[in-house]
């Protein structure tokens, strides 16, 4: 599974934590080893270069390596989708309730 490279909110979060780790004394090489990517990938990310897709596994490794709160990432990745999913489920529920109401009214009108 991949995440689009232009997912701005996610990159802002990851960049913030990458820079924080570097300011805290972590080296790019050390970060690359922890995350399981090349040092070139770290350099590109720090320069703002987002080439193609980033594997979700790499993002999970970044979260783990930099002690990022998974709830922050979940909110960024899934909050909008979850909301639309909830709205879709509500719409489907409303349609089902309306269909049941029509059936009940039809049964009430027809004594047989």
PDB file of N, CA and C in Angstrom:
ATOM      1  N   UNK A   1       0.850  -1.180   0.000  1.00  0.00           N
ATOM      2  CA  UNK A   1       0.000   0.000   0.000  1.00  0.00           C
ATOM      3  C   UNK A   1       0.891   1.236   0.000  1.00  0.00           C
ATOM      4  N   UNK A   2       0.500   2.235  -0.773  1.00  0.00           N
ATOM      5  CA  UNK A   2       1.297   3.459  -0.857  1.00  0.00           C
ATOM      6  C   UNK A   2       0.452   4.665  -0.490  1.00  0.00           C
ATOM      7  N   UNK A   3       1.145   5.726  -0.136  1.00  0.00           N
ATOM      8  CA  UNK A   3       0.512   7.001   0.164  1.00  0.00           C
ATOM      9  C   UNK A   3       1.023   7.989  -0.869  1.00  0.00           C
ATOM     10  N   UNK A   4       0.133   8.758  -1.466  1.00  0.00           N
ATOM     11  CA  UNK A   4       0.538   9.747  -2.457  1.00  0.00           C
ATOM     12  C   UNK A   4       1.562  10.704  -1.864  1.00  0.00           C
ATOM     13  N   UNK A   5       2.564  11.047  -2.656  1.00  0.00           N
ATOM     14  CA  UNK A   5       3.619  11.935  -2.195  1.00  0.00           C
ATOM     15  C   UNK A   5       3.159  13.348  -1.915  1.00  0.00           C
ATOM     16  N   UNK A   6       2.007  13.739  -2.405  1.00  0.00           N
ATOM     17  CA  UNK A   6       1.547  15.109  -2.198  1.00  0.00           C
ATOM     18  C   UNK A   6       0.535  15.220  -1.068  1.00  0.00           C
ATOM     19  N   UNK A   7       0.512  14.261  -0.184  1.00  0.00           N
ATOM     20  CA  UNK A   7      -0.407  14.302   0.959  1.00  0.00           C
ATOM     21  C   UNK A   7       0.174  15.301   1.959  1.00  0.00           C
ATOM     22  N   UNK A   8      -0.132  16.584   1.741  1.00  0.00           N
ATOM     23  CA  UNK A   8       0.544  17.676   2.440  1.00  0.00           C
ATOM     24  C   UNK A   8       0.492  17.585   3.959  1.00  0.00           C
ATOM     25  N   UNK A   9      -0.662  17.297   4.517  1.00  0.00           N
ATOM     26  CA  UNK A   9      -0.778  17.278   5.974  1.00  0.00           C
ATOM     27  C   UNK A   9       0.124  16.216   6.591  1.00  0.00           C
ATOM     28  N   UNK A  10       0.193  15.070   5.943  1.00  0.00           N
ATOM     29  CA  UNK A  10       1.054  13.995   6.443  1.00  0.00           C
ATOM     30  C   UNK A  10       2.517  14.400   6.359  1.00  0.00           C
ATOM     31  N   UNK A  11       2.904  15.007   5.233  1.00  0.00           N
ATOM     32  CA  UNK A  11       4.302  15.409   5.083  1.00  0.00           C
ATOM     33  C   UNK A  11       4.679  16.498   6.075  1.00  0.00           C
ATOM     34  N   UNK A  12       3.771  17.400   6.372  1.00  0.00           N
ATOM     35  CA  UNK A  12       4.056  18.434   7.377  1.00  0.00           C
ATOM     36  C   UNK A  12       4.367  17.775   8.713  1.00  0.00           C
ATOM     37  N   UNK A  13       3.559  16.795   9.094  1.00  0.00           N
ATOM     38  CA  UNK A  13       3.785  16.077  10.353  1.00  0.00           C
ATOM     39  C   UNK A  13       5.126  15.340  10.332  1.00  0.00           C
ATOM     40  N   UNK A  14       5.389  14.597   9.258  1.00  0.00           N
ATOM     41  CA  UNK A  14       6.640  13.844   9.174  1.00  0.00           C
ATOM     42  C   UNK A  14       7.845  14.770   9.144  1.00  0.00           C
ATOM     43  N   UNK A  15       7.757  15.852   8.368  1.00  0.00           N
ATOM     44  CA  UNK A  15       8.863  16.820   8.311  1.00  0.00           C
ATOM     45  C   UNK A  15       9.159  17.406   9.681  1.00  0.00           C
ATOM     46  N   UNK A  16       8.106  17.764  10.387  1.00  0.00           N
ATOM     47  CA  UNK A  16       8.288  18.353  11.715  1.00  0.00           C
ATOM     48  C   UNK A  16       9.067  17.398  12.620  1.00  0.00           C
ATOM     49  N   UNK A  17       8.712  16.129  12.587  1.00  0.00           N
ATOM     50  CA  UNK A  17       9.385  15.150  13.440  1.00  0.00           C
ATOM     51  C   UNK A  17      10.789  14.801  12.932  1.00  0.00           C
ATOM     52  N   UNK A  18      10.986  14.770  11.624  1.00  0.00           N
ATOM     53  CA  UNK A  18      12.329  14.528  11.087  1.00  0.00           C
ATOM     54  C   UNK A  18      13.281  15.647  11.504  1.00  0.00           C
ATOM     55  N   UNK A  19      12.836  16.886  11.343  1.00  0.00           N
ATOM     56  CA  UNK A  19      13.685  18.022  11.726  1.00  0.00           C
ATOM     57  C   UNK A  19      13.944  18.039  13.227  1.00  0.00           C
ATOM     58  N   UNK A  20      12.938  17.683  14.002  1.00  0.00           N
ATOM     59  CA  UNK A  20      13.094  17.631  15.457  1.00  0.00           C
ATOM     60  C   UNK A  20      14.153  16.593  15.841  1.00  0.00           C
ATOM     61  N   UNK A  21      14.119  15.432  15.192  1.00  0.00           N
ATOM     62  CA  UNK A  21      15.109  14.385  15.480  1.00  0.00           C
ATOM     63  C   UNK A  21      16.513  14.846  15.105  1.00  0.00           C
ATOM     64  N   UNK A  22      16.630  15.526  13.977  1.00  0.00           N
ATOM     65  CA  UNK A  22      17.948  16.015  13.554  1.00  0.00           C
ATOM     66  C   UNK A  22      18.470  17.096  14.495  1.00  0.00           C
ATOM     67  N   UNK A  23      17.584  17.979  14.936  1.00  0.00           N
ATOM     68  CA  UNK A  23      18.008  19.004  15.900  1.00  0.00           C
ATOM     69  C   UNK A  23      18.404  18.374  17.234  1.00  0.00           C
ATOM     70  N   UNK A  24      17.819  17.222  17.533  1.00  0.00           N
ATOM     71  CA  UNK A  24      18.127  16.522  18.781  1.00  0.00           C
ATOM     72  C   UNK A  24      19.409  15.710  18.711  1.00  0.00           C
ATOM     73  N   UNK A  25      20.106  15.766  17.593  1.00  0.00           N
ATOM     74  CA  UNK A  25      21.393  15.091  17.487  1.00  0.00           C
ATOM     75  C   UNK A  25      21.393  13.822  16.655  1.00  0.00           C
ATOM     76  N   UNK A  26      20.249  13.413  16.166  1.00  0.00           N
ATOM     77  CA  UNK A  26      20.168  12.218  15.320  1.00  0.00           C
ATOM     78  C   UNK A  26      20.772  12.543  13.957  1.00  0.00           C
ATOM     79  N   UNK A  27      21.523  11.618  13.371  1.00  0.00           N
ATOM     80  CA  UNK A  27      22.098  11.852  12.043  1.00  0.00           C
ATOM     81  C   UNK A  27      21.145  11.329  10.970  1.00  0.00           C
ATOM     82  N   UNK A  28      21.305  11.848   9.753  1.00  0.00           N
ATOM     83  CA  UNK A  28      20.479  11.371   8.643  1.00  0.00           C
ATOM     84  C   UNK A  28      20.724   9.886   8.404  1.00  0.00           C
ATOM     85  N   UNK A  29      21.975   9.467   8.528  1.00  0.00           N
ATOM     86  CA  UNK A  29      22.323   8.063   8.327  1.00  0.00           C
ATOM     87  C   UNK A  29      21.628   7.176   9.362  1.00  0.00           C
ATOM     88  N   UNK A  30      21.653   7.615  10.608  1.00  0.00           N
ATOM     89  CA  UNK A  30      21.007   6.863  11.684  1.00  0.00           C
ATOM     90  C   UNK A  30      19.494   6.781  11.459  1.00  0.00           C
ATOM     91  N   UNK A  31      18.890   7.902  11.072  1.00  0.00           N
ATOM     92  CA  UNK A  31      17.449   7.903  10.779  1.00  0.00           C
ATOM     93  C   UNK A  31      17.129   6.954   9.629  1.00  0.00           C
ATOM     94  N   UNK A  32      17.950   6.995   8.587  1.00  0.00           N
ATOM     95  CA  UNK A  32      17.728   6.127   7.431  1.00  0.00           C
ATOM     96  C   UNK A  32      17.771   4.657   7.843  1.00  0.00           C
ATOM     97  N   UNK A  33      18.734   4.283   8.681  1.00  0.00           N
ATOM     98  CA  UNK A  33      18.827   2.893   9.149  1.00  0.00           C
ATOM     99  C   UNK A  33      17.608   2.509   9.983  1.00  0.00           C
ATOM    100  N   UNK A  34      17.186   3.396  10.896  1.00  0.00           N
ATOM    101  CA  UNK A  34      16.021   3.105  11.747  1.00  0.00           C
ATOM    102  C   UNK A  34      14.759   2.906  10.912  1.00  0.00           C
ATOM    103  N   UNK A  35      14.612   3.741   9.895  1.00  0.00           N
ATOM    104  CA  UNK A  35      13.395   3.724   9.084  1.00  0.00           C
ATOM    105  C   UNK A  35      13.456   2.629   8.019  1.00  0.00           C
ATOM    106  N   UNK A  36      14.675   2.290   7.593  1.00  0.00           N
ATOM    107  CA  UNK A  36      14.821   1.270   6.563  1.00  0.00           C
ATOM    108  C   UNK A  36      14.749   1.827   5.160  1.00  0.00           C
ATOM    109  N   UNK A  37      15.196   3.069   5.010  1.00  0.00           N
ATOM    110  CA  UNK A  37      15.251   3.700   3.692  1.00  0.00           C
ATOM    111  C   UNK A  37      16.678   4.178   3.467  1.00  0.00           C
ATOM    112  N   UNK A  38      16.954   4.642   2.264  1.00  0.00           N
ATOM    113  CA  UNK A  38      18.293   5.152   1.981  1.00  0.00           C
ATOM    114  C   UNK A  38      18.464   6.545   2.583  1.00  0.00           C
ATOM    115  N   UNK A  39      19.719   6.908   2.797  1.00  0.00           N
ATOM    116  CA  UNK A  39      19.994   8.254   3.293  1.00  0.00           C
ATOM    117  C   UNK A  39      19.548   9.279   2.252  1.00  0.00           C
ATOM    118  N   UNK A  40      19.601   8.894   0.982  1.00  0.00           N
ATOM    119  CA  UNK A  40      19.138   9.778  -0.085  1.00  0.00           C
ATOM    120  C   UNK A  40      17.645  10.081   0.068  1.00  0.00           C
ATOM    121  N   UNK A  41      16.862   9.075   0.479  1.00  0.00           N
ATOM    122  CA  UNK A  41      15.427   9.303   0.704  1.00  0.00           C
ATOM    123  C   UNK A  41      15.213  10.334   1.798  1.00  0.00           C
ATOM    124  N   UNK A  42      15.978  10.205   2.885  1.00  0.00           N
ATOM    125  CA  UNK A  42      15.872  11.172   3.980  1.00  0.00           C
ATOM    126  C   UNK A  42      16.223  12.564   3.467  1.00  0.00           C
ATOM    127  N   UNK A  43      17.311  12.669   2.704  1.00  0.00           N
ATOM    128  CA  UNK A  43      17.727  13.971   2.158  1.00  0.00           C
ATOM    129  C   UNK A  43      16.645  14.564   1.270  1.00  0.00           C
ATOM    130  N   UNK A  44      16.057  13.723   0.423  1.00  0.00           N
ATOM    131  CA  UNK A  44      14.989  14.199  -0.470  1.00  0.00           C
ATOM    132  C   UNK A  44      13.793  14.681   0.336  1.00  0.00           C
ATOM    133  N   UNK A  45      13.406  13.912   1.354  1.00  0.00           N
ATOM    134  CA  UNK A  45      12.267  14.311   2.173  1.00  0.00           C
ATOM    135  C   UNK A  45      12.536  15.644   2.846  1.00  0.00           C
ATOM    136  N   UNK A  46      13.755  15.818   3.357  1.00  0.00           N
ATOM    137  CA  UNK A  46      14.084  17.060   4.060  1.00  0.00           C
ATOM    138  C   UNK A  46      14.111  18.259   3.114  1.00  0.00           C
ATOM    139  N   UNK A  47      14.399  18.010   1.835  1.00  0.00           N
ATOM    140  CA  UNK A  47      14.396  19.083   0.835  1.00  0.00           C
ATOM    141  C   UNK A  47      12.988  19.348   0.311  1.00  0.00           C
ATOM    142  N   UNK A  48      12.037  18.519   0.707  1.00  0.00           N
ATOM    143  CA  UNK A  48      10.668  18.696   0.231  1.00  0.00           C
ATOM    144  C   UNK A  48      10.375  17.974  -1.059  1.00  0.00           C
ATOM    145  N   UNK A  49      11.289  17.108  -1.488  1.00  0.00           N
ATOM    146  CA  UNK A  49      11.075  16.358  -2.725  1.00  0.00           C
ATOM    147  C   UNK A  49      10.270  15.109  -2.416  1.00  0.00           C
ATOM    148  N   UNK A  50       9.138  14.996  -3.036  1.00  0.00           N
ATOM    149  CA  UNK A  50       8.258  13.848  -2.819  1.00  0.00           C
ATOM    150  C   UNK A  50       8.117  13.103  -4.138  1.00  0.00           C
ATOM    151  N   UNK A  51       8.994  12.181  -4.379  1.00  0.00           N
ATOM    152  CA  UNK A  51       8.977  11.465  -5.655  1.00  0.00           C
ATOM    153  C   UNK A  51       8.022  10.288  -5.602  1.00  0.00           C
ATOM    154  N   UNK A  52       7.023  10.323  -6.447  1.00  0.00           N
ATOM    155  CA  UNK A  52       6.103   9.207  -6.563  1.00  0.00           C
ATOM    156  C   UNK A  52       5.350   8.919  -5.283  1.00  0.00           C
ATOM    157  N   UNK A  53       5.405   7.682  -4.892  1.00  0.00           N
ATOM    158  CA  UNK A  53       4.657   7.219  -3.728  1.00  0.00           C
ATOM    159  C   UNK A  53       5.617   6.860  -2.607  1.00  0.00           C
ATOM    160  N   UNK A  54       5.116   6.895  -1.408  1.00  0.00           N
ATOM    161  CA  UNK A  54       5.861   6.417  -0.255  1.00  0.00           C
ATOM    162  C   UNK A  54       5.087   5.221   0.280  1.00  0.00           C
ATOM    163  N   UNK A  55       5.789   4.136   0.498  1.00  0.00           N
ATOM    164  CA  UNK A  55       5.125   2.934   1.001  1.00  0.00           C
ATOM    165  C   UNK A  55       4.594   3.190   2.400  1.00  0.00           C
ATOM    166  N   UNK A  56       3.407   2.671   2.653  1.00  0.00           N
ATOM    167  CA  UNK A  56       2.808   2.814   3.974  1.00  0.00           C
ATOM    168  C   UNK A  56       3.718   2.215   5.038  1.00  0.00           C
ATOM    169  N   UNK A  57       4.398   1.117   4.708  1.00  0.00           N
ATOM    170  CA  UNK A  57       5.328   0.501   5.652  1.00  0.00           C
ATOM    171  C   UNK A  57       6.426   1.481   6.050  1.00  0.00           C
ATOM    172  N   UNK A  58       6.938   2.255   5.086  1.00  0.00           N
ATOM    173  CA  UNK A  58       7.958   3.262   5.409  1.00  0.00           C
ATOM    174  C   UNK A  58       7.398   4.314   6.350  1.00  0.00           C
ATOM    175  N   UNK A  59       6.170   4.715   6.113  1.00  0.00           N
ATOM    176  CA  UNK A  59       5.548   5.714   6.985  1.00  0.00           C
ATOM    177  C   UNK A  59       5.384   5.145   8.391  1.00  0.00           C
ATOM    178  N   UNK A  60       4.982   3.879   8.478  1.00  0.00           N
ATOM    179  CA  UNK A  60       4.854   3.254   9.795  1.00  0.00           C
ATOM    180  C   UNK A  60       6.205   3.172  10.498  1.00  0.00           C
ATOM    181  N   UNK A  61       7.259   2.897   9.728  1.00  0.00           N
ATOM    182  CA  UNK A  61       8.603   2.852  10.321  1.00  0.00           C
ATOM    183  C   UNK A  61       9.039   4.239  10.786  1.00  0.00           C
ATOM    184  N   UNK A  62       8.679   5.277  10.024  1.00  0.00           N
ATOM    185  CA  UNK A  62       8.997   6.651  10.434  1.00  0.00           C
ATOM    186  C   UNK A  62       8.286   6.958  11.747  1.00  0.00           C
ATOM    187  N   UNK A  63       7.018   6.593  11.823  1.00  0.00           N
ATOM    188  CA  UNK A  63       6.232   6.836  13.040  1.00  0.00           C
ATOM    189  C   UNK A  63       6.900   6.174  14.238  1.00  0.00           C
ATOM    190  N   UNK A  64       7.317   4.928  14.046  1.00  0.00           N
ATOM    191  CA  UNK A  64       7.953   4.188  15.133  1.00  0.00           C
ATOM    192  C   UNK A  64       9.322   4.774  15.472  1.00  0.00           C
ATOM    193  N   UNK A  65      10.134   5.049  14.467  1.00  0.00           N
ATOM    194  CA  UNK A  65      11.494   5.538  14.700  1.00  0.00           C
ATOM    195  C   UNK A  65      11.508   6.906  15.372  1.00  0.00           C
ATOM    196  N   UNK A  66      10.526   7.734  15.064  1.00  0.00           N
ATOM    197  CA  UNK A  66      10.519   9.100  15.587  1.00  0.00           C
ATOM    198  C   UNK A  66       9.542   9.284  16.743  1.00  0.00           C
ATOM    199  N   UNK A  67       8.966   8.195  17.218  1.00  0.00           N
ATOM    200  CA  UNK A  67       8.011   8.249  18.336  1.00  0.00           C
ATOM    201  C   UNK A  67       6.864   9.222  18.074  1.00  0.00           C
ATOM    202  N   UNK A  68       6.311   9.160  16.869  1.00  0.00           N
ATOM    203  CA  UNK A  68       5.168   9.996  16.509  1.00  0.00           C
ATOM    204  C   UNK A  68       3.910   9.323  17.046  1.00  0.00           C
ATOM    205  N   UNK A  69       3.008  10.108  17.581  1.00  0.00           N
ATOM    206  CA  UNK A  69       1.741   9.585  18.089  1.00  0.00           C
ATOM    207  C   UNK A  69       0.935   9.031  16.908  1.00  0.00           C
ATOM    208  N   UNK A  70       0.670   7.726  16.878  1.00  0.00           N
ATOM    209  CA  UNK A  70      -0.083   7.147  15.761  1.00  0.00           C
ATOM    210  C   UNK A  70      -1.460   7.783  15.568  1.00  0.00           C
ATOM    211  N   UNK A  71      -2.040   8.302  16.623  1.00  0.00           N
ATOM    212  CA  UNK A  71      -3.353   8.944  16.504  1.00  0.00           C
ATOM    213  C   UNK A  71      -3.286  10.153  15.576  1.00  0.00           C
ATOM    214  N   UNK A  72      -2.162  10.884  15.610  1.00  0.00           N
ATOM    215  CA  UNK A  72      -2.011  12.040  14.712  1.00  0.00           C
ATOM    216  C   UNK A  72      -2.035  11.590  13.260  1.00  0.00           C
ATOM    217  N   UNK A  73      -1.317  10.512  12.973  1.00  0.00           N
ATOM    218  CA  UNK A  73      -1.242  10.013  11.607  1.00  0.00           C
ATOM    219  C   UNK A  73      -2.593   9.451  11.179  1.00  0.00           C
ATOM    220  N   UNK A  74      -3.238   8.697  12.058  1.00  0.00           N
ATOM    221  CA  UNK A  74      -4.550   8.137  11.756  1.00  0.00           C
ATOM    222  C   UNK A  74      -5.529   9.245  11.408  1.00  0.00           C
ATOM    223  N   UNK A  75      -5.506  10.302  12.198  1.00  0.00           N
ATOM    224  CA  UNK A  75      -6.422  11.416  11.957  1.00  0.00           C
ATOM    225  C   UNK A  75      -6.194  12.018  10.578  1.00  0.00           C
ATOM    226  N   UNK A  76      -4.930  12.197  10.219  1.00  0.00           N
ATOM    227  CA  UNK A  76      -4.611  12.783   8.916  1.00  0.00           C
ATOM    228  C   UNK A  76      -5.040  11.858   7.780  1.00  0.00           C
ATOM    229  N   UNK A  77      -4.712  10.575   7.907  1.00  0.00           N
ATOM    230  CA  UNK A  77      -4.964   9.646   6.809  1.00  0.00           C
ATOM    231  C   UNK A  77      -6.423   9.238   6.664  1.00  0.00           C
ATOM    232  N   UNK A  78      -7.128   9.110   7.798  1.00  0.00           N
ATOM    233  CA  UNK A  78      -8.435   8.481   7.730  1.00  0.00           C
ATOM    234  C   UNK A  78      -9.604   9.334   8.184  1.00  0.00           C
ATOM    235  N   UNK A  79      -9.370  10.457   8.815  1.00  0.00           N
ATOM    236  CA  UNK A  79     -10.483  11.238   9.365  1.00  0.00           C
ATOM    237  C   UNK A  79     -11.461  11.670   8.279  1.00  0.00           C
ATOM    238  N   UNK A  80     -10.957  12.208   7.194  1.00  0.00           N
ATOM    239  CA  UNK A  80     -11.846  12.673   6.128  1.00  0.00           C
ATOM    240  C   UNK A  80     -12.580  11.493   5.501  1.00  0.00           C
ATOM    241  N   UNK A  81     -11.843  10.398   5.239  1.00  0.00           N
ATOM    242  CA  UNK A  81     -12.467   9.219   4.647  1.00  0.00           C
ATOM    243  C   UNK A  81     -13.494   8.619   5.596  1.00  0.00           C
ATOM    244  N   UNK A  82     -13.172   8.598   6.885  1.00  0.00           N
ATOM    245  CA  UNK A  82     -14.098   8.031   7.862  1.00  0.00           C
ATOM    246  C   UNK A  82     -15.376   8.847   7.918  1.00  0.00           C
ATOM    247  N   UNK A  83     -15.232  10.160   7.864  1.00  0.00           N
ATOM    248  CA  UNK A  83     -16.408  11.018   7.910  1.00  0.00           C
ATOM    249  C   UNK A  83     -17.303  10.753   6.714  1.00  0.00           C
ATOM    250  N   UNK A  84     -16.722  10.688   5.523  1.00  0.00           N
ATOM    251  CA  UNK A  84     -17.551  10.429   4.351  1.00  0.00           C
ATOM    252  C   UNK A  84     -18.147   9.029   4.426  1.00  0.00           C
ATOM    253  N   UNK A  85     -17.406   8.079   5.002  1.00  0.00           N
ATOM    254  CA  UNK A  85     -17.935   6.733   5.177  1.00  0.00           C
ATOM    255  C   UNK A  85     -19.113   6.712   6.129  1.00  0.00           C
ATOM    256  N   UNK A  86     -19.011   7.474   7.210  1.00  0.00           N
ATOM    257  CA  UNK A  86     -20.112   7.561   8.170  1.00  0.00           C
ATOM    258  C   UNK A  86     -21.328   8.196   7.511  1.00  0.00           C
ATOM    259  N   UNK A  87     -21.096   9.255   6.752  1.00  0.00           N
ATOM    260  CA  UNK A  87     -22.206   9.909   6.059  1.00  0.00           C
ATOM    261  C   UNK A  87     -22.864   8.953   5.065  1.00  0.00           C
ATOM    262  N   UNK A  88     -22.059   8.160   4.368  1.00  0.00           N
ATOM    263  CA  UNK A  88     -22.596   7.186   3.416  1.00  0.00           C
ATOM    264  C   UNK A  88     -23.446   6.145   4.147  1.00  0.00           C
ATOM    265  N   UNK A  89     -22.939   5.652   5.291  1.00  0.00           N
ATOM    266  CA  UNK A  89     -23.703   4.671   6.073  1.00  0.00           C
ATOM    267  C   UNK A  89     -25.012   5.259   6.588  1.00  0.00           C
ATOM    268  N   UNK A  90     -24.976   6.511   7.016  1.00  0.00           N
ATOM    269  CA  UNK A  90     -26.214   7.166   7.473  1.00  0.00           C
ATOM    270  C   UNK A  90     -27.222   7.265   6.333  1.00  0.00           C
ATOM    271  N   UNK A  91     -26.728   7.618   5.161  1.00  0.00           N
ATOM    272  CA  UNK A  91     -27.601   7.725   3.990  1.00  0.00           C
ATOM    273  C   UNK A  91     -28.224   6.366   3.665  1.00  0.00           C
ATOM    274  N   UNK A  92     -27.402   5.309   3.694  1.00  0.00           N
ATOM    275  CA  UNK A  92     -27.919   3.966   3.421  1.00  0.00           C
ATOM    276  C   UNK A  92     -28.938   3.553   4.478  1.00  0.00           C
ATOM    277  N   UNK A  93     -28.670   3.883   5.741  1.00  0.00           N
ATOM    278  CA  UNK A  93     -29.613   3.570   6.819  1.00  0.00           C
ATOM    279  C   UNK A  93     -30.934   4.293   6.584  1.00  0.00           C
ATOM    280  N   UNK A  94     -30.856   5.587   6.245  1.00  0.00           N
ATOM    281  CA  UNK A  94     -32.070   6.368   5.991  1.00  0.00           C
ATOM    282  C   UNK A  94     -32.874   5.782   4.837  1.00  0.00           C
ATOM    283  N   UNK A  95     -32.180   5.341   3.791  1.00  0.00           N
ATOM    284  CA  UNK A  95     -32.879   4.728   2.666  1.00  0.00           C
ATOM    285  C   UNK A  95     -33.582   3.442   3.094  1.00  0.00           C
ATOM    286  N   UNK A  96     -32.916   2.633   3.914  1.00  0.00           N
ATOM    287  CA  UNK A  96     -33.522   1.382   4.390  1.00  0.00           C
ATOM    288  C   UNK A  96     -34.741   1.662   5.264  1.00  0.00           C
ATOM    289  N   UNK A  97     -34.636   2.654   6.144  1.00  0.00           N
ATOM    290  CA  UNK A  97     -35.767   3.021   7.008  1.00  0.00           C
ATOM    291  C   UNK A  97     -36.938   3.502   6.161  1.00  0.00           C
ATOM    292  N   UNK A  98     -36.662   4.323   5.169  1.00  0.00           N
ATOM    293  CA  UNK A  98     -37.726   4.810   4.279  1.00  0.00           C
ATOM    294  C   UNK A  98     -38.386   3.659   3.524  1.00  0.00           C
ATOM    295  N   UNK A  99     -37.591   2.694   3.065  1.00  0.00           N
ATOM    296  CA  UNK A  99     -38.153   1.542   2.359  1.00  0.00           C
ATOM    297  C   UNK A  99     -39.046   0.724   3.288  1.00  0.00           C
ATOM    298  N   UNK A 100     -38.609   0.520   4.528  1.00  0.00           N
ATOM    299  CA  UNK A 100     -39.441  -0.211   5.499  1.00  0.00           C
ATOM    300  C   UNK A 100     -40.739   0.531   5.785  1.00  0.00           C
ATOM    301  N   UNK A 101     -40.654   1.846   5.901  1.00  0.00           N
ATOM    302  CA  UNK A 101     -41.869   2.646   6.127  1.00  0.00           C
ATOM    303  C   UNK A 101     -42.849   2.494   4.966  1.00  0.00           C
ATOM    304  N   UNK A 102     -42.357   2.484   3.740  1.00  0.00           N
ATOM    305  CA  UNK A 102     -43.226   2.309   2.568  1.00  0.00           C
ATOM    306  C   UNK A 102     -43.894   0.935   2.595  1.00  0.00           C
ATOM    307  N   UNK A 103     -43.129  -0.086   2.969  1.00  0.00           N
ATOM    308  CA  UNK A 103     -43.692  -1.440   3.052  1.00  0.00           C
ATOM    309  C   UNK A 103     -44.765  -1.491   4.131  1.00  0.00           C
ATOM    310  N   UNK A 104     -44.506  -0.900   5.292  1.00  0.00           N
ATOM    311  CA  UNK A 104     -45.494  -0.890   6.383  1.00  0.00           C
ATOM    312  C   UNK A 104     -46.776  -0.170   5.964  1.00  0.00           C
ATOM    313  N   UNK A 105     -46.620   0.979   5.315  1.00  0.00           N
ATOM    314  CA  UNK A 105     -47.803   1.719   4.859  1.00  0.00           C
ATOM    315  C   UNK A 105     -48.592   0.905   3.841  1.00  0.00           C
ATOM    316  N   UNK A 106     -47.886   0.243   2.947  1.00  0.00           N
ATOM    317  CA  UNK A 106     -48.562  -0.579   1.938  1.00  0.00           C
ATOM    318  C   UNK A 106     -49.298  -1.736   2.598  1.00  0.00           C
ATOM    319  N   UNK A 107     -48.686  -2.350   3.598  1.00  0.00           N
ATOM    320  CA  UNK A 107     -49.346  -3.454   4.314  1.00  0.00           C
ATOM    321  C   UNK A 107     -50.549  -2.960   5.104  1.00  0.00           C
ATOM    322  N   UNK A 108     -50.440  -1.773   5.694  1.00  0.00           N
ATOM    323  CA  UNK A 108     -51.561  -1.205   6.452  1.00  0.00           C
ATOM    324  C   UNK A 108     -52.740  -0.884   5.541  1.00  0.00           C
ATOM    325  N   UNK A 109     -52.487  -0.488   4.306  1.00  0.00           N
ATOM    326  CA  UNK A 109     -53.556  -0.140   3.375  1.00  0.00           C
ATOM    327  C   UNK A 109     -54.200  -1.374   2.763  1.00  0.00           C
ATOM    328  N   UNK A 110     -53.468  -2.447   2.659  1.00  0.00           N
ATOM    329  CA  UNK A 110     -53.988  -3.676   2.051  1.00  0.00           C
ATOM    330  C   UNK A 110     -54.268  -4.693   3.151  1.00  0.00           C
ATOM    331  N   UNK A 111     -55.555  -4.938   3.471  1.00  0.00           N
ATOM    332  CA  UNK A 111     -55.892  -5.834   4.583  1.00  0.00           C
ATOM    333  C   UNK A 111     -55.514  -7.293   4.330  1.00  0.00           C
ATOM    334  N   UNK A 112     -55.300  -7.707   3.115  1.00  0.00           N
ATOM    335  CA  UNK A 112     -54.987  -9.111   2.835  1.00  0.00           C
ATOM    336  C   UNK A 112     -53.567  -9.322   3.056  1.00  0.00           C
TER     337      UNK A 112
END
